[in-house]
C-alpha atoms as a PDB file:
ATOM      1  CA  UNK A   1      19.163  98.425 -71.909  1.00  0.00           C
ATOM      2  CA  UNK A   2      20.358  97.804 -75.728  1.00  0.00           C
ATOM      3  CA  UNK A   3      22.639  94.792 -75.681  1.00  0.00           C
ATOM      4  CA  UNK A   4      26.142  97.020 -76.235  1.00  0.00           C
ATOM      5  CA  UNK A   5      25.118  98.959 -73.660  1.00  0.00           C
ATOM      6  CA  UNK A   6      25.266  95.495 -71.664  1.00  0.00           C
ATOM      7  CA  UNK A   7      28.754  94.624 -73.451  1.00  0.00           C
ATOM      8  CA  UNK A   8      30.166  97.710 -72.212  1.00  0.00           C
ATOM      9  CA  UNK A   9      29.039  97.060 -68.807  1.00  0.00           C
ATOM     10  CA  UNK A  10      30.266  93.605 -68.395  1.00  0.00           C
ATOM     11  CA  UNK A  11      33.687  94.854 -70.135  1.00  0.00           C
ATOM     12  CA  UNK A  12      33.919  97.332 -67.077  1.00  0.00           C
ATOM     13  CA  UNK A  13      32.631  94.886 -64.517  1.00  0.00           C
ATOM     14  CA  UNK A  14      35.508  91.958 -65.759  1.00  0.00           C
ATOM     15  CA  UNK A  15      39.058  91.613 -67.062  1.00  0.00           C
ATOM     16  CA  UNK A  16      38.282  90.130 -70.138  1.00  0.00           C
ATOM     17  CA  UNK A  17      41.384  90.110 -73.077  1.00  0.00           C
ATOM     18  CA  UNK A  18      39.469  89.055 -76.216  1.00  0.00           C
ATOM     19  CA  UNK A  19      35.499  88.907 -76.853  1.00  0.00           C
ATOM     20  CA  UNK A  20      33.873  87.507 -79.623  1.00  0.00           C
ATOM     21  CA  UNK A  21      30.245  88.322 -80.749  1.00  0.00           C
ATOM     22  CA  UNK A  22      28.938  86.273 -83.697  1.00  0.00           C
ATOM     23  CA  UNK A  23      25.686  87.114 -85.392  1.00  0.00           C
ATOM     24  CA  UNK A  24      24.781  90.656 -83.879  1.00  0.00           C
ATOM     25  CA  UNK A  25      21.703  92.418 -85.032  1.00  0.00           C
ATOM     26  CA  UNK A  26      24.132  95.488 -86.194  1.00  0.00           C
ATOM     27  CA  UNK A  27      24.058  96.343 -89.810  1.00  0.00           C
ATOM     28  CA  UNK A  28      27.011  97.249 -92.283  1.00  0.00           C
ATOM     29  CA  UNK A  29      25.069 100.949 -91.943  1.00  0.00           C
ATOM     30  CA  UNK A  30      26.333 101.283 -88.046  1.00  0.00           C
ATOM     31  CA  UNK A  31      29.239 103.124 -87.159  1.00  0.00           C
ATOM     32  CA  UNK A  32      32.637 101.564 -85.565  1.00  0.00           C
ATOM     33  CA  UNK A  33      32.470 104.086 -83.138  1.00  0.00           C
ATOM     34  CA  UNK A  34      28.408 103.060 -81.992  1.00  0.00           C
ATOM     35  CA  UNK A  35      30.356  99.073 -81.538  1.00  0.00           C
ATOM     36  CA  UNK A  36      33.207 100.165 -79.696  1.00  0.00           C
ATOM     37  CA  UNK A  37      33.491  98.860 -76.208  1.00  0.00           C
ATOM     38  CA  UNK A  38      37.618 100.423 -75.635  1.00  0.00           C
ATOM     39  CA  UNK A  39      39.469  96.944 -77.320  1.00  0.00           C
ATOM     40  CA  UNK A  40      41.086  96.967 -80.487  1.00  0.00           C
ATOM     41  CA  UNK A  41      37.284  96.014 -82.553  1.00  0.00           C
ATOM     42  CA  UNK A  42      38.241  93.673 -86.144  1.00  0.00           C
ATOM     43  CA  UNK A  43      34.472  94.011 -88.000  1.00  0.00           C
ATOM     44  CA  UNK A  44      33.495  92.170 -90.668  1.00  0.00           C
ATOM     45  CA  UNK A  45      30.185  92.748 -91.967  1.00  0.00           C
ATOM     46  CA  UNK A  46      28.269  89.799 -93.546  1.00  0.00           C
ATOM     47  CA  UNK A  47      26.054  89.767 -96.286  1.00  0.00           C
ATOM     48  CA  UNK A  48      23.022  88.125 -95.274  1.00  0.00           C
ATOM     49  CA  UNK A  49      19.667  90.502 -93.874  1.00  0.00           C
ATOM     50  CA  UNK A  50      19.588  90.051 -90.270  1.00  0.00           C
ATOM     51  CA  UNK A  51      22.909  88.338 -88.459  1.00  0.00           C
ATOM     52  CA  UNK A  52      24.897  91.100 -89.974  1.00  0.00           C
ATOM     53  CA  UNK A  53      28.162  91.768 -88.134  1.00  0.00           C
ATOM     54  CA  UNK A  54      30.924  89.018 -86.583  1.00  0.00           C
ATOM     55  CA  UNK A  55      33.062  91.484 -84.192  1.00  0.00           C
ATOM     56  CA  UNK A  56      36.279  90.432 -82.612  1.00  0.00           C
ATOM     57  CA  UNK A  57      37.314  92.756 -79.624  1.00  0.00           C
ATOM     58  CA  UNK A  58      41.271  92.613 -78.265  1.00  0.00           C
ATOM     59  CA  UNK A  59      42.533  94.217 -75.675  1.00  0.00           C
ATOM     60  CA  UNK A  60      44.529  97.295 -76.213  1.00  0.00           C
ATOM     61  CA  UNK A  61      47.305  96.239 -74.436  1.00  0.00           C
ATOM     62  CA  UNK A  62      47.624  92.953 -76.865  1.00  0.00           C
ATOM     63  CA  UNK A  63      49.586  93.508 -80.212  1.00  0.00           C
ATOM     64  CA  UNK A  64      46.938  92.722 -82.619  1.00  0.00           C
ATOM     65  CA  UNK A  65      46.900  92.742 -86.249  1.00  0.00           C
ATOM     66  CA  UNK A  66      44.660  91.551 -89.163  1.00  0.00           C
ATOM     67  CA  UNK A  67      45.667  88.378 -90.304  1.00  0.00           C
ATOM     68  CA  UNK A  68      45.006  89.118 -94.442  1.00  0.00           C
ATOM     69  CA  UNK A  69      45.164  85.655 -95.519  1.00  0.00           C
ATOM     70  CA  UNK A  70      43.112  83.987 -93.740  1.00  0.00           C
ATOM     71  CA  UNK A  71      40.311  86.655 -94.549  1.00  0.00           C
ATOM     72  CA  UNK A  72      40.990  86.438 -97.874  1.00  0.00           C
ATOM     73  CA  UNK A  73      41.003  81.909 -98.594  1.00  0.00           C
ATOM     74  CA  UNK A  74      37.083  81.206 -98.736  1.00  0.00           C
ATOM     75  CA  UNK A  75      35.952  82.480 -95.179  1.00  0.00           C
ATOM     76  CA  UNK A  76      34.302  85.677 -95.942  1.00  0.00           C
ATOM     77  CA  UNK A  77      31.553  85.371 -92.854  1.00  0.00           C
ATOM     78  CA  UNK A  78      34.211  85.480 -90.002  1.00  0.00           C
ATOM     79  CA  UNK A  79      37.020  87.302 -88.943  1.00  0.00           C
ATOM     80  CA  UNK A  80      40.565  86.419 -88.408  1.00  0.00           C
ATOM     81  CA  UNK A  81      43.327  88.113 -86.349  1.00  0.00           C
ATOM     82  CA  UNK A  82      46.706  87.427 -84.898  1.00  0.00           C
ATOM     83  CA  UNK A  83      47.559  88.351 -81.318  1.00  0.00           C
ATOM     84  CA  UNK A  84      51.236  88.526 -79.683  1.00  0.00           C
ATOM     85  CA  UNK A  85      51.763  88.218 -76.393  1.00  0.00           C
ATOM     86  CA  UNK A  86      54.365  89.511 -74.019  1.00  0.00           C
ATOM     87  CA  UNK A  87      56.053  86.352 -73.736  1.00  0.00           C
ATOM     88  CA  UNK A  88      56.125  86.825 -77.728  1.00  0.00           C
ATOM     89  CA  UNK A  89      54.331  83.673 -78.745  1.00  0.00           C
ATOM     90  CA  UNK A  90      51.622  83.978 -81.317  1.00  0.00           C
ATOM     91  CA  UNK A  91      48.778  82.712 -80.124  1.00  0.00           C
END
């Protein structure tokens, strides 16, 4: 079983809200659809030859968006986003 299939299985078995994957073996040539687990996905392809993608999955019912300020400030090998919860506080 491939790791992405294992992750998809875990997502169906557990009630996760946010999942982070670092140093994956995915590459820039792999499409988003191949890494999808049914969540909103934020992805950064790293500039290294191995361990090439950082992915942040956030459950669709949470309002999330890329935090462009942090993404542009010397955090090139990371992914940043904002999440709004039902109580209207930022996380």
